[in-house]
């Protein structure tokens, strides 16, 4: 399942025993852990590329460049996150819209005190969450398989 979070979508592995085993890999089998992270990044990169293509169709040149992939392996989660960096493309959230496709509100020519600003509702040109949701099961399955393989390799004692 794609989890909607601040600025991105995360793909999590929920099997707690597998997550705990993967968390120990960095300490016990660093090469296997490195390979796991590389595979997780590749799985997220496929979604990132799809989101970048969808974002390019909105007419923005900055949003596609802002979409990044991050991975996390900790004692509580194994996660691949794809997000748009709002420092690179501040309008990314406005273009996506709010939850459920609601228009995002933003000021137009904000000058002077905030109480005097003119606010408008921007019609969303959704590019992010729909694309992420479409690939969520596939990415989750890939990450689960990667974690399972990494744990299996570590149990066999290979590096």
N, C-alpha and C. Protein backbone atom coordinates (compact mmCIF):
# COMPACT_ATOMS: atom_id res chain seq x y z
N UNK A 1 0.84 -1.17 0.00
CA UNK A 1 0.00 0.00 0.00
C UNK A 1 0.89 1.24 0.00
N UNK A 2 0.50 2.23 -0.77
CA UNK A 2 1.23 3.50 -0.76
C UNK A 2 0.68 4.32 0.39
N UNK A 3 1.56 4.80 1.23
CA UNK A 3 1.17 5.58 2.39
C UNK A 3 1.41 7.04 2.07
N UNK A 4 0.35 7.84 2.14
CA UNK A 4 0.49 9.27 1.85
C UNK A 4 1.05 9.95 3.08
N UNK A 5 2.14 10.66 2.90
CA UNK A 5 2.77 11.36 4.02
C UNK A 5 3.13 12.77 3.61
N UNK A 6 3.77 13.50 4.49
CA UNK A 6 4.14 14.87 4.16
C UNK A 6 5.14 14.90 3.01
N UNK A 7 4.70 15.38 1.87
CA UNK A 7 5.59 15.55 0.74
C UNK A 7 5.88 14.31 -0.07
N UNK A 8 5.24 13.17 0.22
CA UNK A 8 5.57 12.00 -0.57
C UNK A 8 4.71 10.80 -0.28
N UNK A 9 5.06 9.72 -0.95
CA UNK A 9 4.37 8.45 -0.77
C UNK A 9 5.40 7.43 -0.33
N UNK A 10 5.07 6.64 0.68
CA UNK A 10 5.99 5.63 1.19
C UNK A 10 5.45 4.24 0.92
N UNK A 11 6.33 3.31 0.67
CA UNK A 11 5.98 1.92 0.45
C UNK A 11 6.64 1.12 1.55
N UNK A 12 5.86 0.54 2.45
CA UNK A 12 6.40 -0.13 3.63
C UNK A 12 6.23 -1.63 3.58
N UNK A 13 7.17 -2.32 4.20
CA UNK A 13 7.06 -3.76 4.44
C UNK A 13 6.58 -3.91 5.88
N UNK A 14 5.49 -4.66 6.09
CA UNK A 14 4.86 -4.72 7.40
C UNK A 14 5.20 -5.96 8.23
N UNK A 15 5.87 -6.94 7.68
CA UNK A 15 6.20 -8.16 8.43
C UNK A 15 7.25 -7.83 9.49
N UNK A 16 6.84 -7.78 10.75
CA UNK A 16 7.72 -7.28 11.82
C UNK A 16 8.98 -8.14 12.02
N UNK A 17 8.87 -9.45 11.91
CA UNK A 17 10.06 -10.30 12.08
C UNK A 17 11.08 -10.04 10.97
N UNK A 18 10.59 -9.90 9.76
CA UNK A 18 11.46 -9.64 8.63
C UNK A 18 12.13 -8.27 8.76
N UNK A 19 11.38 -7.28 9.23
CA UNK A 19 11.90 -5.93 9.42
C UNK A 19 13.02 -5.94 10.46
N UNK A 20 12.81 -6.62 11.58
CA UNK A 20 13.84 -6.68 12.62
C UNK A 20 15.10 -7.38 12.11
N UNK A 21 14.92 -8.43 11.32
CA UNK A 21 16.08 -9.14 10.77
C UNK A 21 16.84 -8.24 9.80
N UNK A 22 16.12 -7.50 8.97
CA UNK A 22 16.77 -6.61 8.00
C UNK A 22 17.52 -5.50 8.72
N UNK A 23 16.99 -5.01 9.84
CA UNK A 23 17.64 -3.93 10.59
C UNK A 23 19.01 -4.36 11.10
N UNK A 24 19.19 -5.62 11.43
CA UNK A 24 20.47 -6.11 11.94
C UNK A 24 21.51 -6.34 10.86
N UNK A 25 21.10 -6.33 9.59
CA UNK A 25 22.04 -6.62 8.50
C UNK A 25 23.18 -5.61 8.41
N UNK A 26 22.91 -4.37 8.66
CA UNK A 26 23.93 -3.34 8.51
C UNK A 26 25.11 -3.61 9.43
N UNK A 27 24.81 -4.11 10.61
CA UNK A 27 25.85 -4.39 11.59
C UNK A 27 26.55 -5.72 11.31
N UNK A 28 25.77 -6.74 10.95
CA UNK A 28 26.34 -8.08 10.81
C UNK A 28 26.84 -8.42 9.40
N UNK A 29 26.15 -7.91 8.39
CA UNK A 29 26.51 -8.21 7.00
C UNK A 29 26.39 -6.91 6.17
N UNK A 30 27.35 -6.01 6.29
CA UNK A 30 27.24 -4.70 5.63
C UNK A 30 27.10 -4.77 4.11
N UNK A 31 27.73 -5.73 3.47
CA UNK A 31 27.63 -5.83 2.01
C UNK A 31 26.22 -6.22 1.58
N UNK A 32 25.60 -7.12 2.32
CA UNK A 32 24.23 -7.53 2.02
C UNK A 32 23.28 -6.35 2.26
N UNK A 33 23.52 -5.61 3.33
CA UNK A 33 22.69 -4.45 3.64
C UNK A 33 22.80 -3.39 2.53
N UNK A 34 24.01 -3.20 2.03
CA UNK A 34 24.24 -2.22 0.96
C UNK A 34 23.50 -2.66 -0.31
N UNK A 35 23.56 -3.94 -0.61
CA UNK A 35 22.87 -4.48 -1.77
C UNK A 35 21.35 -4.34 -1.62
N UNK A 36 20.85 -4.55 -0.41
CA UNK A 36 19.42 -4.40 -0.13
C UNK A 36 18.98 -2.96 -0.41
N UNK A 37 19.72 -1.99 0.12
CA UNK A 37 19.37 -0.58 -0.08
C UNK A 37 19.41 -0.21 -1.56
N UNK A 38 20.40 -0.73 -2.27
CA UNK A 38 20.52 -0.46 -3.70
C UNK A 38 19.29 -0.99 -4.44
N UNK A 39 18.87 -2.20 -4.12
CA UNK A 39 17.69 -2.78 -4.75
C UNK A 39 16.42 -2.01 -4.41
N UNK A 40 16.32 -1.56 -3.15
CA UNK A 40 15.15 -0.77 -2.75
C UNK A 40 15.11 0.54 -3.53
N UNK A 41 16.26 1.17 -3.70
CA UNK A 41 16.32 2.43 -4.46
C UNK A 41 15.90 2.21 -5.91
N UNK A 42 16.34 1.08 -6.50
CA UNK A 42 15.95 0.77 -7.88
C UNK A 42 14.44 0.57 -7.99
N UNK A 43 13.84 -0.11 -7.01
CA UNK A 43 12.38 -0.32 -7.02
C UNK A 43 11.66 1.03 -6.94
N UNK A 44 12.15 1.92 -6.11
CA UNK A 44 11.55 3.25 -6.00
C UNK A 44 11.81 4.11 -7.22
N UNK A 45 12.93 3.88 -7.90
CA UNK A 45 13.27 4.67 -9.08
C UNK A 45 12.30 4.46 -10.22
N UNK A 46 11.75 3.26 -10.31
CA UNK A 46 10.75 2.99 -11.35
C UNK A 46 9.51 3.86 -11.13
N UNK A 47 9.08 3.97 -9.88
CA UNK A 47 7.92 4.81 -9.55
C UNK A 47 8.29 6.28 -9.76
N UNK A 48 9.48 6.66 -9.32
CA UNK A 48 9.95 8.04 -9.50
C UNK A 48 9.90 8.45 -10.97
N UNK A 49 10.36 7.57 -11.85
CA UNK A 49 10.36 7.88 -13.28
C UNK A 49 8.94 8.06 -13.81
N UNK A 50 8.01 7.22 -13.35
CA UNK A 50 6.60 7.35 -13.77
C UNK A 50 6.02 8.67 -13.27
N UNK A 51 6.33 9.02 -12.02
CA UNK A 51 5.83 10.28 -11.46
C UNK A 51 6.44 11.46 -12.20
N UNK A 52 7.71 11.39 -12.53
CA UNK A 52 8.35 12.47 -13.29
C UNK A 52 7.68 12.66 -14.65
N UNK A 53 7.35 11.55 -15.31
CA UNK A 53 6.67 11.64 -16.61
C UNK A 53 5.30 12.29 -16.45
N UNK A 54 4.56 11.88 -15.42
CA UNK A 54 3.24 12.46 -15.17
C UNK A 54 3.35 13.94 -14.81
N UNK A 55 4.38 14.31 -14.04
CA UNK A 55 4.57 15.70 -13.65
C UNK A 55 4.94 16.56 -14.85
N UNK A 56 5.68 16.00 -15.79
CA UNK A 56 6.05 16.75 -16.99
C UNK A 56 4.81 17.12 -17.80
N UNK A 57 3.78 16.28 -17.74
CA UNK A 57 2.54 16.57 -18.46
C UNK A 57 1.75 17.72 -17.84
N UNK A 58 2.11 18.16 -16.62
CA UNK A 58 1.43 19.31 -16.01
C UNK A 58 1.96 20.62 -16.59
N UNK A 59 3.07 20.56 -17.29
CA UNK A 59 3.66 21.76 -17.88
C UNK A 59 4.80 22.34 -17.05
N UNK A 60 5.07 21.77 -15.88
CA UNK A 60 6.14 22.28 -15.03
C UNK A 60 7.47 21.64 -15.41
N UNK A 61 8.53 22.45 -15.40
CA UNK A 61 9.87 21.90 -15.62
C UNK A 61 10.56 21.60 -14.30
N UNK A 62 10.13 22.27 -13.23
CA UNK A 62 10.79 22.08 -11.93
C UNK A 62 10.28 20.85 -11.18
N UNK A 63 8.99 20.55 -11.28
CA UNK A 63 8.45 19.42 -10.51
C UNK A 63 9.13 18.11 -10.87
N UNK A 64 9.28 17.75 -12.15
CA UNK A 64 9.95 16.47 -12.45
C UNK A 64 11.34 16.36 -11.84
N UNK A 65 12.10 17.47 -11.84
CA UNK A 65 13.45 17.44 -11.26
C UNK A 65 13.41 17.29 -9.74
N UNK A 66 12.30 17.67 -9.12
CA UNK A 66 12.22 17.66 -7.65
C UNK A 66 11.87 16.29 -7.08
N UNK A 67 11.41 15.35 -7.90
CA UNK A 67 10.97 14.05 -7.40
C UNK A 67 12.18 13.17 -7.10
N UNK A 68 12.28 12.73 -5.84
CA UNK A 68 13.44 11.97 -5.36
C UNK A 68 13.00 10.67 -4.68
N UNK A 69 13.95 9.76 -4.51
CA UNK A 69 13.71 8.49 -3.83
C UNK A 69 14.60 8.43 -2.59
N UNK A 70 14.03 7.97 -1.48
CA UNK A 70 14.80 7.76 -0.25
C UNK A 70 14.46 6.37 0.28
N UNK A 71 15.42 5.74 0.94
CA UNK A 71 15.18 4.43 1.54
C UNK A 71 15.48 4.50 3.02
N UNK A 72 14.84 3.61 3.76
CA UNK A 72 15.07 3.56 5.21
C UNK A 72 14.93 2.12 5.68
N UNK A 73 15.91 1.68 6.43
CA UNK A 73 15.86 0.37 7.08
C UNK A 73 16.17 0.61 8.54
N UNK A 74 15.17 0.41 9.40
CA UNK A 74 15.37 0.60 10.84
C UNK A 74 14.71 -0.57 11.56
N UNK A 75 14.81 -0.57 12.87
CA UNK A 75 14.21 -1.65 13.66
C UNK A 75 12.69 -1.66 13.56
N UNK A 76 12.11 -0.53 13.16
CA UNK A 76 10.65 -0.47 13.11
C UNK A 76 10.08 -0.45 11.70
N UNK A 77 10.90 -0.18 10.67
CA UNK A 77 10.35 -0.16 9.32
C UNK A 77 11.41 -0.35 8.25
N UNK A 78 10.95 -0.89 7.13
CA UNK A 78 11.72 -0.96 5.90
C UNK A 78 10.88 -0.18 4.93
N UNK A 79 11.41 0.92 4.41
CA UNK A 79 10.56 1.83 3.64
C UNK A 79 11.30 2.46 2.47
N UNK A 80 10.57 2.57 1.36
CA UNK A 80 11.03 3.31 0.20
C UNK A 80 10.08 4.50 0.09
N UNK A 81 10.62 5.70 0.05
CA UNK A 81 9.79 6.90 -0.04
C UNK A 81 10.13 7.66 -1.32
N UNK A 82 9.08 8.05 -2.03
CA UNK A 82 9.23 8.88 -3.22
C UNK A 82 8.55 10.19 -2.88
N UNK A 83 9.28 11.32 -3.03
CA UNK A 83 8.66 12.60 -2.68
C UNK A 83 9.14 13.71 -3.60
N UNK A 84 8.32 14.76 -3.65
CA UNK A 84 8.68 15.96 -4.40
C UNK A 84 9.27 16.96 -3.42
N UNK A 85 10.45 17.44 -3.70
CA UNK A 85 11.13 18.41 -2.83
C UNK A 85 10.54 19.79 -3.08
N UNK A 86 9.81 20.31 -2.09
CA UNK A 86 9.15 21.60 -2.26
C UNK A 86 10.12 22.77 -2.21
N UNK A 87 11.38 22.52 -1.87
CA UNK A 87 12.37 23.60 -1.96
C UNK A 87 12.75 23.82 -3.42
N UNK A 88 12.73 22.76 -4.22
CA UNK A 88 13.04 22.86 -5.64
C UNK A 88 11.81 23.32 -6.43
N UNK A 89 10.64 22.80 -6.05
CA UNK A 89 9.40 23.12 -6.74
C UNK A 89 8.32 23.45 -5.71
N UNK A 90 8.27 24.69 -5.23
CA UNK A 90 7.30 25.04 -4.18
C UNK A 90 5.85 24.87 -4.61
N UNK A 91 5.60 24.86 -5.91
CA UNK A 91 4.24 24.73 -6.41
C UNK A 91 3.80 23.28 -6.57
N UNK A 92 4.64 22.32 -6.21
CA UNK A 92 4.32 20.90 -6.38
C UNK A 92 3.05 20.50 -5.62
N UNK A 93 2.91 20.97 -4.38
CA UNK A 93 1.73 20.63 -3.59
C UNK A 93 0.47 21.25 -4.18
N UNK A 94 0.59 22.47 -4.64
CA UNK A 94 -0.57 23.15 -5.22
C UNK A 94 -1.03 22.43 -6.49
N UNK A 95 -0.09 22.00 -7.31
CA UNK A 95 -0.43 21.30 -8.55
C UNK A 95 -1.10 19.96 -8.28
N UNK A 96 -0.66 19.26 -7.23
CA UNK A 96 -1.24 17.95 -6.89
C UNK A 96 -2.63 18.11 -6.32
N UNK A 97 -2.86 19.18 -5.58
CA UNK A 97 -4.17 19.37 -4.95
C UNK A 97 -4.19 18.74 -3.57
N UNK A 98 -5.30 18.90 -2.89
CA UNK A 98 -5.45 18.35 -1.55
C UNK A 98 -5.93 16.93 -1.58
N UNK A 99 -6.12 16.33 -0.40
CA UNK A 99 -6.64 14.96 -0.33
C UNK A 99 -8.00 14.86 -1.03
N UNK A 100 -8.19 13.79 -1.76
CA UNK A 100 -9.46 13.58 -2.45
C UNK A 100 -9.63 14.47 -3.68
N UNK A 101 -8.54 15.08 -4.16
CA UNK A 101 -8.63 15.91 -5.35
C UNK A 101 -9.14 17.31 -5.10
N UNK A 102 -9.22 17.70 -3.82
CA UNK A 102 -9.66 19.07 -3.50
C UNK A 102 -8.68 20.08 -4.07
N UNK A 103 -9.18 21.22 -4.53
CA UNK A 103 -8.26 22.28 -4.98
C UNK A 103 -7.44 22.81 -3.81
N UNK A 104 -6.20 23.14 -4.07
CA UNK A 104 -5.35 23.75 -3.05
C UNK A 104 -5.49 25.26 -3.17
N UNK A 105 -5.56 25.94 -2.03
CA UNK A 105 -5.69 27.40 -2.05
C UNK A 105 -4.31 28.03 -1.87
N UNK A 106 -4.08 29.11 -2.60
CA UNK A 106 -2.81 29.81 -2.50
C UNK A 106 -3.03 31.30 -2.78
N UNK A 107 -2.14 32.15 -2.27
CA UNK A 107 -2.28 33.59 -2.51
C UNK A 107 -1.81 33.97 -3.91
N UNK A 108 -2.38 35.04 -4.44
CA UNK A 108 -1.97 35.58 -5.73
C UNK A 108 -1.39 36.96 -5.46
N UNK A 109 -0.17 37.19 -5.89
CA UNK A 109 0.51 38.48 -5.69
C UNK A 109 0.40 38.95 -4.25
N UNK A 110 0.91 38.12 -3.35
CA UNK A 110 0.82 38.43 -1.92
C UNK A 110 1.71 39.61 -1.58
N UNK A 111 1.08 40.74 -1.27
CA UNK A 111 1.81 41.94 -0.85
C UNK A 111 1.12 42.51 0.38
N UNK A 112 1.92 43.09 1.24
CA UNK A 112 1.34 43.72 2.42
C UNK A 112 0.92 42.70 3.46
N UNK A 113 0.04 43.11 4.38
CA UNK A 113 -0.39 42.19 5.44
C UNK A 113 -1.20 41.02 4.87
N UNK A 114 -1.03 39.88 5.49
CA UNK A 114 -1.68 38.65 5.03
C UNK A 114 -3.20 38.80 4.92
N UNK A 115 -3.79 39.58 5.79
CA UNK A 115 -5.25 39.75 5.78
C UNK A 115 -5.73 40.42 4.49
N UNK A 116 -4.84 41.10 3.78
CA UNK A 116 -5.22 41.76 2.54
C UNK A 116 -4.92 40.96 1.28
N UNK A 117 -4.37 39.78 1.42
CA UNK A 117 -4.02 38.96 0.26
C UNK A 117 -5.26 38.45 -0.44
N UNK A 118 -5.14 38.20 -1.74
CA UNK A 118 -6.21 37.56 -2.51
C UNK A 118 -5.86 36.08 -2.63
N UNK A 119 -6.79 35.23 -2.22
CA UNK A 119 -6.57 33.79 -2.26
C UNK A 119 -7.44 33.17 -3.35
N UNK A 120 -6.89 32.18 -4.05
CA UNK A 120 -7.65 31.48 -5.08
C UNK A 120 -7.50 29.97 -4.88
N UNK A 121 -8.48 29.23 -5.40
CA UNK A 121 -8.42 27.77 -5.37
C UNK A 121 -7.85 27.30 -6.71
N UNK A 122 -6.71 26.65 -6.67
CA UNK A 122 -6.05 26.16 -7.89
C UNK A 122 -6.63 24.81 -8.28
N UNK A 123 -7.09 24.69 -9.51
CA UNK A 123 -7.60 23.41 -10.00
C UNK A 123 -6.42 22.42 -10.04
N UNK A 124 -6.57 21.28 -9.35
CA UNK A 124 -5.42 20.35 -9.31
C UNK A 124 -5.16 19.69 -10.66
N UNK A 125 -3.89 19.43 -10.91
CA UNK A 125 -3.46 18.65 -12.07
C UNK A 125 -2.69 17.47 -11.49
N UNK A 126 -3.44 16.56 -10.93
CA UNK A 126 -2.85 15.46 -10.17
C UNK A 126 -1.84 14.66 -10.99
N UNK A 127 -0.68 14.45 -10.43
CA UNK A 127 0.38 13.71 -11.09
C UNK A 127 1.04 12.70 -10.16
N UNK A 128 0.91 12.88 -8.84
CA UNK A 128 1.74 12.16 -7.89
C UNK A 128 1.07 10.92 -7.30
N UNK A 129 0.05 11.12 -6.46
CA UNK A 129 -0.50 10.01 -5.68
C UNK A 129 -1.20 8.96 -6.52
N UNK A 130 -1.86 9.35 -7.58
CA UNK A 130 -2.49 8.37 -8.45
C UNK A 130 -1.46 7.45 -9.08
N UNK A 131 -0.37 8.03 -9.51
CA UNK A 131 0.73 7.26 -10.11
C UNK A 131 1.36 6.34 -9.07
N UNK A 132 1.58 6.86 -7.87
CA UNK A 132 2.19 6.06 -6.79
C UNK A 132 1.26 4.90 -6.40
N UNK A 133 -0.04 5.18 -6.27
CA UNK A 133 -1.00 4.14 -5.90
C UNK A 133 -1.04 3.02 -6.93
N UNK A 134 -0.93 3.38 -8.21
CA UNK A 134 -0.99 2.38 -9.28
C UNK A 134 0.17 1.39 -9.19
N UNK A 135 1.30 1.81 -8.68
CA UNK A 135 2.49 0.95 -8.61
C UNK A 135 2.76 0.41 -7.20
N UNK A 136 1.91 0.76 -6.22
CA UNK A 136 2.18 0.44 -4.81
C UNK A 136 2.36 -1.05 -4.56
N UNK A 137 1.44 -1.88 -5.03
CA UNK A 137 1.54 -3.32 -4.75
C UNK A 137 2.80 -3.92 -5.36
N UNK A 138 3.12 -3.49 -6.56
CA UNK A 138 4.31 -4.00 -7.24
C UNK A 138 5.59 -3.64 -6.46
N UNK A 139 5.70 -2.39 -6.03
CA UNK A 139 6.89 -1.95 -5.29
C UNK A 139 6.97 -2.66 -3.95
N UNK A 140 5.84 -2.75 -3.26
CA UNK A 140 5.83 -3.42 -1.96
C UNK A 140 6.28 -4.88 -2.10
N UNK A 141 5.81 -5.55 -3.13
CA UNK A 141 6.19 -6.95 -3.37
C UNK A 141 7.69 -7.06 -3.66
N UNK A 142 8.22 -6.13 -4.48
CA UNK A 142 9.66 -6.14 -4.79
C UNK A 142 10.49 -5.92 -3.54
N UNK A 143 10.10 -4.95 -2.72
CA UNK A 143 10.85 -4.66 -1.50
C UNK A 143 10.78 -5.85 -0.54
N UNK A 144 9.61 -6.45 -0.41
CA UNK A 144 9.45 -7.62 0.45
C UNK A 144 10.38 -8.74 -0.02
N UNK A 145 10.41 -8.98 -1.34
CA UNK A 145 11.28 -10.02 -1.89
C UNK A 145 12.77 -9.69 -1.66
N UNK A 146 13.13 -8.42 -1.83
CA UNK A 146 14.51 -8.01 -1.59
C UNK A 146 14.93 -8.25 -0.14
N UNK A 147 14.05 -7.86 0.78
CA UNK A 147 14.35 -8.05 2.21
C UNK A 147 14.44 -9.54 2.52
N UNK A 148 13.50 -10.33 2.01
CA UNK A 148 13.52 -11.78 2.24
C UNK A 148 14.82 -12.40 1.73
N UNK A 149 15.22 -12.02 0.52
CA UNK A 149 16.46 -12.55 -0.06
C UNK A 149 17.68 -12.14 0.75
N UNK A 150 17.71 -10.90 1.20
CA UNK A 150 18.85 -10.41 1.99
C UNK A 150 18.95 -11.17 3.30
N UNK A 151 17.83 -11.38 3.96
CA UNK A 151 17.83 -12.11 5.23
C UNK A 151 18.26 -13.56 4.98
N UNK A 152 17.77 -14.16 3.91
CA UNK A 152 18.15 -15.54 3.56
C UNK A 152 19.66 -15.64 3.32
N UNK A 153 20.20 -14.65 2.59
CA UNK A 153 21.65 -14.64 2.32
C UNK A 153 22.45 -14.54 3.62
N UNK A 154 21.98 -13.71 4.53
CA UNK A 154 22.72 -13.52 5.78
C UNK A 154 22.68 -14.78 6.64
N UNK A 155 21.57 -15.49 6.59
CA UNK A 155 21.46 -16.73 7.37
C UNK A 155 22.41 -17.79 6.80
N UNK A 156 22.56 -17.80 5.49
CA UNK A 156 23.48 -18.75 4.85
C UNK A 156 24.94 -18.36 5.12
N UNK A 157 25.17 -17.13 5.56
CA UNK A 157 26.52 -16.69 5.88
C UNK A 157 27.30 -16.16 4.72
N UNK A 158 26.62 -15.88 3.57
CA UNK A 158 27.32 -15.33 2.41
C UNK A 158 27.41 -13.83 2.52
N UNK A 159 28.47 -13.29 1.98
CA UNK A 159 28.61 -11.82 1.93
C UNK A 159 28.91 -11.37 0.55
